[in-house]
C-alpha atoms as a PDB file:
ATOM      1  CA  UNK A   1      49.466 -21.088  69.515  1.00  0.00           C
ATOM      2  CA  UNK A   2      52.487 -19.485  67.891  1.00  0.00           C
ATOM      3  CA  UNK A   3      52.390 -16.521  65.517  1.00  0.00           C
ATOM      4  CA  UNK A   4      55.635 -15.549  63.839  1.00  0.00           C
ATOM      5  CA  UNK A   5      56.997 -14.084  60.621  1.00  0.00           C
ATOM      6  CA  UNK A   6      60.310 -14.663  58.933  1.00  0.00           C
ATOM      7  CA  UNK A   7      59.597 -12.344  56.017  1.00  0.00           C
ATOM      8  CA  UNK A   8      62.740 -10.305  55.603  1.00  0.00           C
ATOM      9  CA  UNK A   9      66.040 -10.295  57.515  1.00  0.00           C
ATOM     10  CA  UNK A  10      65.443  -8.636  60.870  1.00  0.00           C
ATOM     11  CA  UNK A  11      69.132  -8.071  61.598  1.00  0.00           C
ATOM     12  CA  UNK A  12      69.621  -6.354  58.252  1.00  0.00           C
ATOM     13  CA  UNK A  13      67.226  -3.555  59.186  1.00  0.00           C
ATOM     14  CA  UNK A  14      69.026  -0.230  59.556  1.00  0.00           C
ATOM     15  CA  UNK A  15      67.550   0.334  63.020  1.00  0.00           C
ATOM     16  CA  UNK A  16      68.254  -3.159  64.402  1.00  0.00           C
ATOM     17  CA  UNK A  17      71.530  -2.526  66.242  1.00  0.00           C
ATOM     18  CA  UNK A  18      70.283   0.662  67.889  1.00  0.00           C
ATOM     19  CA  UNK A  19      66.993  -0.991  68.849  1.00  0.00           C
ATOM     20  CA  UNK A  20      68.782  -4.029  70.287  1.00  0.00           C
ATOM     21  CA  UNK A  21      70.954  -1.665  72.321  1.00  0.00           C
ATOM     22  CA  UNK A  22      67.958   0.098  73.843  1.00  0.00           C
ATOM     23  CA  UNK A  23      66.978   2.903  71.446  1.00  0.00           C
ATOM     24  CA  UNK A  24      63.173   3.027  71.690  1.00  0.00           C
ATOM     25  CA  UNK A  25      62.759   5.221  68.619  1.00  0.00           C
ATOM     26  CA  UNK A  26      64.823   2.790  66.566  1.00  0.00           C
ATOM     27  CA  UNK A  27      62.780  -0.103  67.952  1.00  0.00           C
ATOM     28  CA  UNK A  28      59.534   1.596  66.914  1.00  0.00           C
ATOM     29  CA  UNK A  29      60.906   2.252  63.436  1.00  0.00           C
ATOM     30  CA  UNK A  30      61.905  -1.393  63.104  1.00  0.00           C
ATOM     31  CA  UNK A  31      58.569  -2.746  64.337  1.00  0.00           C
ATOM     32  CA  UNK A  32      56.562  -0.405  62.108  1.00  0.00           C
ATOM     33  CA  UNK A  33      58.611  -1.364  59.051  1.00  0.00           C
ATOM     34  CA  UNK A  34      58.915  -5.067  59.795  1.00  0.00           C
ATOM     35  CA  UNK A  35      55.708  -6.108  61.483  1.00  0.00           C
ATOM     36  CA  UNK A  36      52.702  -3.781  61.288  1.00  0.00           C
ATOM     37  CA  UNK A  37      51.317  -5.026  57.969  1.00  0.00           C
ATOM     38  CA  UNK A  38      51.802  -8.618  59.104  1.00  0.00           C
ATOM     39  CA  UNK A  39      50.088  -7.940  62.430  1.00  0.00           C
ATOM     40  CA  UNK A  40      47.067  -6.350  60.740  1.00  0.00           C
ATOM     41  CA  UNK A  41      46.710  -9.475  58.614  1.00  0.00           C
ATOM     42  CA  UNK A  42      46.121 -11.383  61.874  1.00  0.00           C
ATOM     43  CA  UNK A  43      43.965  -8.785  63.640  1.00  0.00           C
ATOM     44  CA  UNK A  44      41.064 -11.254  63.929  1.00  0.00           C
ATOM     45  CA  UNK A  45      43.235 -13.750  65.824  1.00  0.00           C
ATOM     46  CA  UNK A  46      43.032 -11.938  69.167  1.00  0.00           C
ATOM     47  CA  UNK A  47      40.014 -10.786  71.114  1.00  0.00           C
ATOM     48  CA  UNK A  48      40.078  -7.443  72.969  1.00  0.00           C
ATOM     49  CA  UNK A  49      41.320  -7.057  76.518  1.00  0.00           C
ATOM     50  CA  UNK A  50      44.373  -9.321  76.411  1.00  0.00           C
ATOM     51  CA  UNK A  51      47.608  -8.461  78.220  1.00  0.00           C
ATOM     52  CA  UNK A  52      50.692  -8.399  75.989  1.00  0.00           C
ATOM     53  CA  UNK A  53      53.843  -9.173  77.959  1.00  0.00           C
ATOM     54  CA  UNK A  54      57.434  -9.159  76.741  1.00  0.00           C
ATOM     55  CA  UNK A  55      60.592 -10.300  78.538  1.00  0.00           C
ATOM     56  CA  UNK A  56      62.612  -7.360  79.841  1.00  0.00           C
ATOM     57  CA  UNK A  57      65.812  -8.810  78.405  1.00  0.00           C
ATOM     58  CA  UNK A  58      69.139  -7.393  79.555  1.00  0.00           C
ATOM     59  CA  UNK A  59      71.445  -7.776  76.566  1.00  0.00           C
ATOM     60  CA  UNK A  60      75.202  -7.396  76.766  1.00  0.00           C
ATOM     61  CA  UNK A  61      74.971  -4.133  74.794  1.00  0.00           C
ATOM     62  CA  UNK A  62      72.043  -2.672  76.743  1.00  0.00           C
ATOM     63  CA  UNK A  63      68.334  -3.164  77.237  1.00  0.00           C
ATOM     64  CA  UNK A  64      66.777  -4.686  74.122  1.00  0.00           C
ATOM     65  CA  UNK A  65      63.934  -2.302  73.237  1.00  0.00           C
ATOM     66  CA  UNK A  66      62.329  -4.438  70.531  1.00  0.00           C
ATOM     67  CA  UNK A  67      60.167  -6.863  72.583  1.00  0.00           C
ATOM     68  CA  UNK A  68      58.382  -4.229  74.648  1.00  0.00           C
ATOM     69  CA  UNK A  69      57.919  -1.982  71.640  1.00  0.00           C
ATOM     70  CA  UNK A  70      56.384  -4.906  69.759  1.00  0.00           C
ATOM     71  CA  UNK A  71      54.120  -5.588  72.756  1.00  0.00           C
ATOM     72  CA  UNK A  72      52.935  -1.963  72.728  1.00  0.00           C
ATOM     73  CA  UNK A  73      52.183  -2.090  69.006  1.00  0.00           C
ATOM     74  CA  UNK A  74      50.326  -5.396  69.433  1.00  0.00           C
ATOM     75  CA  UNK A  75      48.258  -3.941  72.269  1.00  0.00           C
ATOM     76  CA  UNK A  76      47.293  -0.962  70.125  1.00  0.00           C
ATOM     77  CA  UNK A  77      46.330  -3.073  67.106  1.00  0.00           C
ATOM     78  CA  UNK A  78      44.522  -5.809  69.033  1.00  0.00           C
ATOM     79  CA  UNK A  79      42.783  -3.573  71.600  1.00  0.00           C
ATOM     80  CA  UNK A  80      44.701  -4.958  74.548  1.00  0.00           C
ATOM     81  CA  UNK A  81      47.057  -3.653  77.200  1.00  0.00           C
ATOM     82  CA  UNK A  82      50.791  -3.879  77.775  1.00  0.00           C
ATOM     83  CA  UNK A  83      51.763  -5.662  80.980  1.00  0.00           C
ATOM     84  CA  UNK A  84      54.519  -3.816  82.825  1.00  0.00           C
ATOM     85  CA  UNK A  85      54.262  -5.696  86.130  1.00  0.00           C
ATOM     86  CA  UNK A  86      56.131  -8.874  85.147  1.00  0.00           C
ATOM     87  CA  UNK A  87      59.890  -8.377  84.833  1.00  0.00           C
ATOM     88  CA  UNK A  88      62.820 -10.645  84.173  1.00  0.00           C
ATOM     89  CA  UNK A  89      64.707 -10.924  87.451  1.00  0.00           C
ATOM     90  CA  UNK A  90      68.025 -12.244  86.146  1.00  0.00           C
ATOM     91  CA  UNK A  91      70.467 -11.496  83.362  1.00  0.00           C
ATOM     92  CA  UNK A  92      70.936 -14.337  80.928  1.00  0.00           C
ATOM     93  CA  UNK A  93      72.826 -12.621  78.052  1.00  0.00           C
ATOM     94  CA  UNK A  94      71.499 -15.022  75.420  1.00  0.00           C
ATOM     95  CA  UNK A  95      72.546 -12.963  72.406  1.00  0.00           C
ATOM     96  CA  UNK A  96      75.274 -14.933  70.635  1.00  0.00           C
ATOM     97  CA  UNK A  97      74.798 -17.978  72.899  1.00  0.00           C
ATOM     98  CA  UNK A  98      74.687 -21.567  71.651  1.00  0.00           C
ATOM     99  CA  UNK A  99      71.981 -24.031  72.780  1.00  0.00           C
ATOM    100  CA  UNK A 100      73.736 -25.308  75.898  1.00  0.00           C
ATOM    101  CA  UNK A 101      74.688 -21.788  76.950  1.00  0.00           C
ATOM    102  CA  UNK A 102      71.005 -20.918  76.775  1.00  0.00           C
ATOM    103  CA  UNK A 103      70.172 -24.023  78.791  1.00  0.00           C
ATOM    104  CA  UNK A 104      72.810 -23.040  81.351  1.00  0.00           C
ATOM    105  CA  UNK A 105      71.226 -19.633  81.976  1.00  0.00           C
ATOM    106  CA  UNK A 106      67.443 -19.830  82.064  1.00  0.00           C
ATOM    107  CA  UNK A 107      65.403 -16.665  82.426  1.00  0.00           C
ATOM    108  CA  UNK A 108      63.460 -16.082  85.632  1.00  0.00           C
ATOM    109  CA  UNK A 109      60.598 -13.691  86.313  1.00  0.00           C
ATOM    110  CA  UNK A 110      58.916 -11.863  89.145  1.00  0.00           C
ATOM    111  CA  UNK A 111      56.047  -9.443  89.592  1.00  0.00           C
ATOM    112  CA  UNK A 112      52.274  -9.335  89.794  1.00  0.00           C
ATOM    113  CA  UNK A 113      50.096 -11.651  87.681  1.00  0.00           C
ATOM    114  CA  UNK A 114      46.375 -10.973  87.234  1.00  0.00           C
ATOM    115  CA  UNK A 115      44.583 -14.260  88.071  1.00  0.00           C
ATOM    116  CA  UNK A 116      42.319 -15.378  85.247  1.00  0.00           C
ATOM    117  CA  UNK A 117      43.593 -12.747  82.816  1.00  0.00           C
ATOM    118  CA  UNK A 118      44.575 -13.730  79.274  1.00  0.00           C
ATOM    119  CA  UNK A 119      48.209 -13.097  78.348  1.00  0.00           C
ATOM    120  CA  UNK A 120      49.997 -13.050  74.992  1.00  0.00           C
ATOM    121  CA  UNK A 121      53.769 -13.571  75.139  1.00  0.00           C
ATOM    122  CA  UNK A 122      55.777 -11.270  72.857  1.00  0.00           C
ATOM    123  CA  UNK A 123      59.422 -11.379  71.789  1.00  0.00           C
ATOM    124  CA  UNK A 124      61.565 -10.325  68.856  1.00  0.00           C
ATOM    125  CA  UNK A 125      63.484 -13.567  68.259  1.00  0.00           C
ATOM    126  CA  UNK A 126      63.146 -17.022  69.762  1.00  0.00           C
ATOM    127  CA  UNK A 127      65.617 -19.867  69.306  1.00  0.00           C
ATOM    128  CA  UNK A 128      65.147 -22.692  71.801  1.00  0.00           C
ATOM    129  CA  UNK A 129      62.100 -20.973  73.285  1.00  0.00           C
ATOM    130  CA  UNK A 130      63.301 -21.307  76.883  1.00  0.00           C
ATOM    131  CA  UNK A 131      62.671 -17.688  77.852  1.00  0.00           C
ATOM    132  CA  UNK A 132      59.098 -17.777  76.580  1.00  0.00           C
ATOM    133  CA  UNK A 133      58.538 -21.132  78.284  1.00  0.00           C
ATOM    134  CA  UNK A 134      59.763 -19.789  81.638  1.00  0.00           C
ATOM    135  CA  UNK A 135      57.595 -16.681  81.226  1.00  0.00           C
ATOM    136  CA  UNK A 136      54.592 -18.874  80.428  1.00  0.00           C
ATOM    137  CA  UNK A 137      55.293 -21.121  83.428  1.00  0.00           C
ATOM    138  CA  UNK A 138      55.541 -18.096  85.707  1.00  0.00           C
ATOM    139  CA  UNK A 139      52.272 -16.576  84.502  1.00  0.00           C
ATOM    140  CA  UNK A 140      50.342 -19.828  84.796  1.00  0.00           C
ATOM    141  CA  UNK A 141      51.855 -20.641  88.201  1.00  0.00           C
ATOM    142  CA  UNK A 142      50.249 -17.473  89.555  1.00  0.00           C
ATOM    143  CA  UNK A 143      46.851 -17.874  87.938  1.00  0.00           C
ATOM    144  CA  UNK A 144      47.199 -16.168  84.559  1.00  0.00           C
ATOM    145  CA  UNK A 145      46.197 -17.833  81.279  1.00  0.00           C
ATOM    146  CA  UNK A 146      48.627 -17.827  78.358  1.00  0.00           C
ATOM    147  CA  UNK A 147      46.528 -17.482  75.201  1.00  0.00           C
ATOM    148  CA  UNK A 148      49.109 -17.075  72.462  1.00  0.00           C
ATOM    149  CA  UNK A 149      52.667 -16.165  71.468  1.00  0.00           C
ATOM    150  CA  UNK A 150      53.862 -13.505  69.009  1.00  0.00           C
ATOM    151  CA  UNK A 151      57.482 -13.296  67.824  1.00  0.00           C
ATOM    152  CA  UNK A 152      59.071 -11.589  64.844  1.00  0.00           C
ATOM    153  CA  UNK A 153      61.487 -14.393  64.007  1.00  0.00           C
ATOM    154  CA  UNK A 154      61.454 -18.035  65.047  1.00  0.00           C
ATOM    155  CA  UNK A 155      65.036 -19.241  64.694  1.00  0.00           C
ATOM    156  CA  UNK A 156      64.344 -22.687  66.117  1.00  0.00           C
ATOM    157  CA  UNK A 157      63.880 -25.850  64.124  1.00  0.00           C
ATOM    158  CA  UNK A 158      60.530 -26.645  65.723  1.00  0.00           C
ATOM    159  CA  UNK A 159      57.983 -23.815  66.071  1.00  0.00           C
ATOM    160  CA  UNK A 160      56.162 -25.573  68.918  1.00  0.00           C
ATOM    161  CA  UNK A 161      56.776 -24.664  72.543  1.00  0.00           C
ATOM    162  CA  UNK A 162      55.494 -27.959  73.953  1.00  0.00           C
ATOM    163  CA  UNK A 163      57.863 -30.924  73.409  1.00  0.00           C
ATOM    164  CA  UNK A 164      56.720 -34.128  71.750  1.00  0.00           C
ATOM    165  CA  UNK A 165      55.898 -36.953  74.148  1.00  0.00           C
ATOM    166  CA  UNK A 166      58.494 -39.267  72.625  1.00  0.00           C
ATOM    167  CA  UNK A 167      61.309 -36.793  73.317  1.00  0.00           C
ATOM    168  CA  UNK A 168      60.205 -36.310  76.926  1.00  0.00           C
ATOM    169  CA  UNK A 169      60.018 -40.082  77.353  1.00  0.00           C
ATOM    170  CA  UNK A 170      63.512 -40.561  75.880  1.00  0.00           C
ATOM    171  CA  UNK A 171      64.990 -37.955  78.228  1.00  0.00           C
ATOM    172  CA  UNK A 172      63.351 -39.547  81.263  1.00  0.00           C
ATOM    173  CA  UNK A 173      64.490 -43.023  80.274  1.00  0.00           C
ATOM    174  CA  UNK A 174      68.029 -42.030  79.326  1.00  0.00           C
ATOM    175  CA  UNK A 175      68.862 -39.607  82.148  1.00  0.00           C
ATOM    176  CA  UNK A 176      66.402 -40.568  84.911  1.00  0.00           C
ATOM    177  CA  UNK A 177      66.375 -38.247  87.958  1.00  0.00           C
ATOM    178  CA  UNK A 178      69.855 -36.951  87.132  1.00  0.00           C
ATOM    179  CA  UNK A 179      68.346 -34.655  84.508  1.00  0.00           C
ATOM    180  CA  UNK A 180      66.399 -32.675  87.094  1.00  0.00           C
ATOM    181  CA  UNK A 181      69.466 -32.503  89.343  1.00  0.00           C
ATOM    182  CA  UNK A 182      71.474 -30.992  86.491  1.00  0.00           C
ATOM    183  CA  UNK A 183      68.946 -28.468  85.167  1.00  0.00           C
ATOM    184  CA  UNK A 184      66.583 -27.933  88.094  1.00  0.00           C
ATOM    185  CA  UNK A 185      63.480 -28.590  85.976  1.00  0.00           C
ATOM    186  CA  UNK A 186      61.435 -31.599  84.932  1.00  0.00           C
ATOM    187  CA  UNK A 187      61.754 -32.848  81.333  1.00  0.00           C
ATOM    188  CA  UNK A 188      58.090 -31.920  80.736  1.00  0.00           C
ATOM    189  CA  UNK A 189      59.025 -28.248  81.311  1.00  0.00           C
ATOM    190  CA  UNK A 190      61.391 -28.212  78.330  1.00  0.00           C
ATOM    191  CA  UNK A 191      60.443 -26.666  75.015  1.00  0.00           C
ATOM    192  CA  UNK A 192      60.267 -28.726  71.839  1.00  0.00           C
ATOM    193  CA  UNK A 193      63.624 -27.389  70.628  1.00  0.00           C
ATOM    194  CA  UNK A 194      65.310 -27.918  73.995  1.00  0.00           C
ATOM    195  CA  UNK A 195      64.076 -31.503  74.211  1.00  0.00           C
ATOM    196  CA  UNK A 196      65.147 -32.307  70.656  1.00  0.00           C
ATOM    197  CA  UNK A 197      68.583 -30.834  71.344  1.00  0.00           C
ATOM    198  CA  UNK A 198      69.093 -32.780  74.575  1.00  0.00           C
ATOM    199  CA  UNK A 199      68.152 -36.187  73.193  1.00  0.00           C
ATOM    200  CA  UNK A 200      71.310 -35.921  71.108  1.00  0.00           C
ATOM    201  CA  UNK A 201      73.353 -36.596  74.265  1.00  0.00           C
ATOM    202  CA  UNK A 202      73.951 -40.249  75.072  1.00  0.00           C
ATOM    203  CA  UNK A 203      74.602 -39.906  78.797  1.00  0.00           C
ATOM    204  CA  UNK A 204      74.156 -37.493  81.680  1.00  0.00           C
ATOM    205  CA  UNK A 205      77.956 -37.247  81.941  1.00  0.00           C
ATOM    206  CA  UNK A 206      78.046 -35.956  78.375  1.00  0.00           C
ATOM    207  CA  UNK A 207      75.501 -33.304  79.349  1.00  0.00           C
ATOM    208  CA  UNK A 208      77.476 -32.346  82.458  1.00  0.00           C
ATOM    209  CA  UNK A 209      80.681 -31.994  80.428  1.00  0.00           C
ATOM    210  CA  UNK A 210      79.007 -29.846  77.775  1.00  0.00           C
ATOM    211  CA  UNK A 211      77.315 -27.761  80.448  1.00  0.00           C
ATOM    212  CA  UNK A 212      80.628 -27.090  82.201  1.00  0.00           C
ATOM    213  CA  UNK A 213      82.150 -26.018  78.894  1.00  0.00           C
ATOM    214  CA  UNK A 214      79.128 -23.790  78.227  1.00  0.00           C
ATOM    215  CA  UNK A 215      79.605 -21.992  81.553  1.00  0.00           C
ATOM    216  CA  UNK A 216      83.212 -21.240  80.584  1.00  0.00           C
ATOM    217  CA  UNK A 217      82.113 -20.048  77.157  1.00  0.00           C
ATOM    218  CA  UNK A 218      79.533 -17.702  78.700  1.00  0.00           C
ATOM    219  CA  UNK A 219      82.181 -16.138  80.957  1.00  0.00           C
ATOM    220  CA  UNK A 220      84.648 -15.831  78.072  1.00  0.00           C
ATOM    221  CA  UNK A 221      82.074 -14.230  75.779  1.00  0.00           C
ATOM    222  CA  UNK A 222      80.939 -11.741  78.414  1.00  0.00           C
ATOM    223  CA  UNK A 223      84.479 -10.860  79.492  1.00  0.00           C
ATOM    224  CA  UNK A 224      85.215  -9.965  75.875  1.00  0.00           C
ATOM    225  CA  UNK A 225      82.421  -7.389  76.212  1.00  0.00           C
ATOM    226  CA  UNK A 226      83.704  -6.110  79.557  1.00  0.00           C
ATOM    227  CA  UNK A 227      81.037  -7.881  81.611  1.00  0.00           C
ATOM    228  CA  UNK A 228      81.725 -10.021  84.671  1.00  0.00           C
ATOM    229  CA  UNK A 229      78.923 -12.228  85.918  1.00  0.00           C
ATOM    230  CA  UNK A 230      78.101 -12.202  89.608  1.00  0.00           C
ATOM    231  CA  UNK A 231      78.285 -15.461  91.525  1.00  0.00           C
ATOM    232  CA  UNK A 232      75.473 -17.397  89.865  1.00  0.00           C
ATOM    233  CA  UNK A 233      76.135 -21.066  90.536  1.00  0.00           C
ATOM    234  CA  UNK A 234      73.422 -23.119  92.126  1.00  0.00           C
ATOM    235  CA  UNK A 235      73.675 -26.712  93.228  1.00  0.00           C
ATOM    236  CA  UNK A 236      73.185 -27.806  89.634  1.00  0.00           C
ATOM    237  CA  UNK A 237      75.266 -25.034  88.110  1.00  0.00           C
ATOM    238  CA  UNK A 238      72.628 -24.695  85.413  1.00  0.00           C
ATOM    239  CA  UNK A 239      70.920 -21.421  86.203  1.00  0.00           C
ATOM    240  CA  UNK A 240      71.532 -17.693  86.101  1.00  0.00           C
ATOM    241  CA  UNK A 241      71.296 -15.306  89.049  1.00  0.00           C
ATOM    242  CA  UNK A 242      68.566 -17.107  91.029  1.00  0.00           C
ATOM    243  CA  UNK A 243      66.910 -20.528  91.339  1.00  0.00           C
ATOM    244  CA  UNK A 244      64.221 -21.637  88.915  1.00  0.00           C
ATOM    245  CA  UNK A 245      61.557 -22.590  91.443  1.00  0.00           C
ATOM    246  CA  UNK A 246      58.948 -19.778  91.649  1.00  0.00           C
ATOM    247  CA  UNK A 247      58.032 -18.339  95.021  1.00  0.00           C
ATOM    248  CA  UNK A 248      54.627 -19.091  96.437  1.00  0.00           C
ATOM    249  CA  UNK A 249      52.064 -16.518  95.231  1.00  0.00           C
ATOM    250  CA  UNK A 250      50.595 -14.089  97.654  1.00  0.00           C
ATOM    251  CA  UNK A 251      46.900 -13.451  97.925  1.00  0.00           C
ATOM    252  CA  UNK A 252      47.139 -10.787  95.179  1.00  0.00           C
ATOM    253  CA  UNK A 253      48.954 -13.057  92.729  1.00  0.00           C
ATOM    254  CA  UNK A 254      52.327 -11.428  93.348  1.00  0.00           C
ATOM    255  CA  UNK A 255      55.471 -13.522  93.527  1.00  0.00           C
ATOM    256  CA  UNK A 256      57.191 -13.156  96.870  1.00  0.00           C
END
C-alpha cells in the first residue's frame, strides 16, 4: 500500500524551488514532467471515486504547492476527487529537519471526513512517514478508509508505513510507559522508519536529551529564516502547535 517513484532527482527540476515556495504553475509543470507517465503506468491500481488528500504543508519558504497539485493530477487520471476539507492545523517546518526534529513536531489535522469513503494519501516527499501516518490516523479515527499512498520520492530507508512487530516490542520493553509520556503517542502509532530510528536509543534519558537538542535546533533553523515559533510546548514537549489526541467526531464526521 505504497506507490512511489525515485526516477530522476526531484530537487534538480527547474521548477522545484518555485513549486516548493507555493507557485502552483511551477508545481503543475514539475508534476507533469516528473510523474504523469509514471502515474499512467499504474492507472489500473485505483478504482474510480476515491478521495485524494494531500497535507497542506506550511514550509518555511511558503506553502508547498506540490502535494495538492499531485493530488489534483491523480484525481484526474484515476477518476477520483480531491479532498479539500482536511487541513493540517499546525506548522511543523519539516524541510531540512533531521529525524528527531521531525519526531518533535508531528503534524496534526482537522476538518470533515466522509465516513466509509476511500482515501488515497498524497505527498511529494516522505522521509520518516510521520505526516502521512498522522493523516491516516486522523482519517480512520473519523470513519474514513485509507486505501493507498502515493508519493513522488520515498527518502526513508523502509518504504512501509506500519512498523515491524519486533521494533514495537523493543520500544515497549526498553522505554515502557515513559515513551508515551515523551511523545504523546503509543509505539504502535509509529511508522516503520520512526520505530527503526528510535530503537537506536538505549534509554529514555537518551531520547529526552536528543529531543531537547532537537527543539533547540528547530528554533535555530527557523530563526535563521526569520521565523519565530509560537509557544508550542506541551507536557511532553514533543509536539507542534497543538496536542496529538484528535477531538471526538461530531455526527457529521467533523473534528471538533
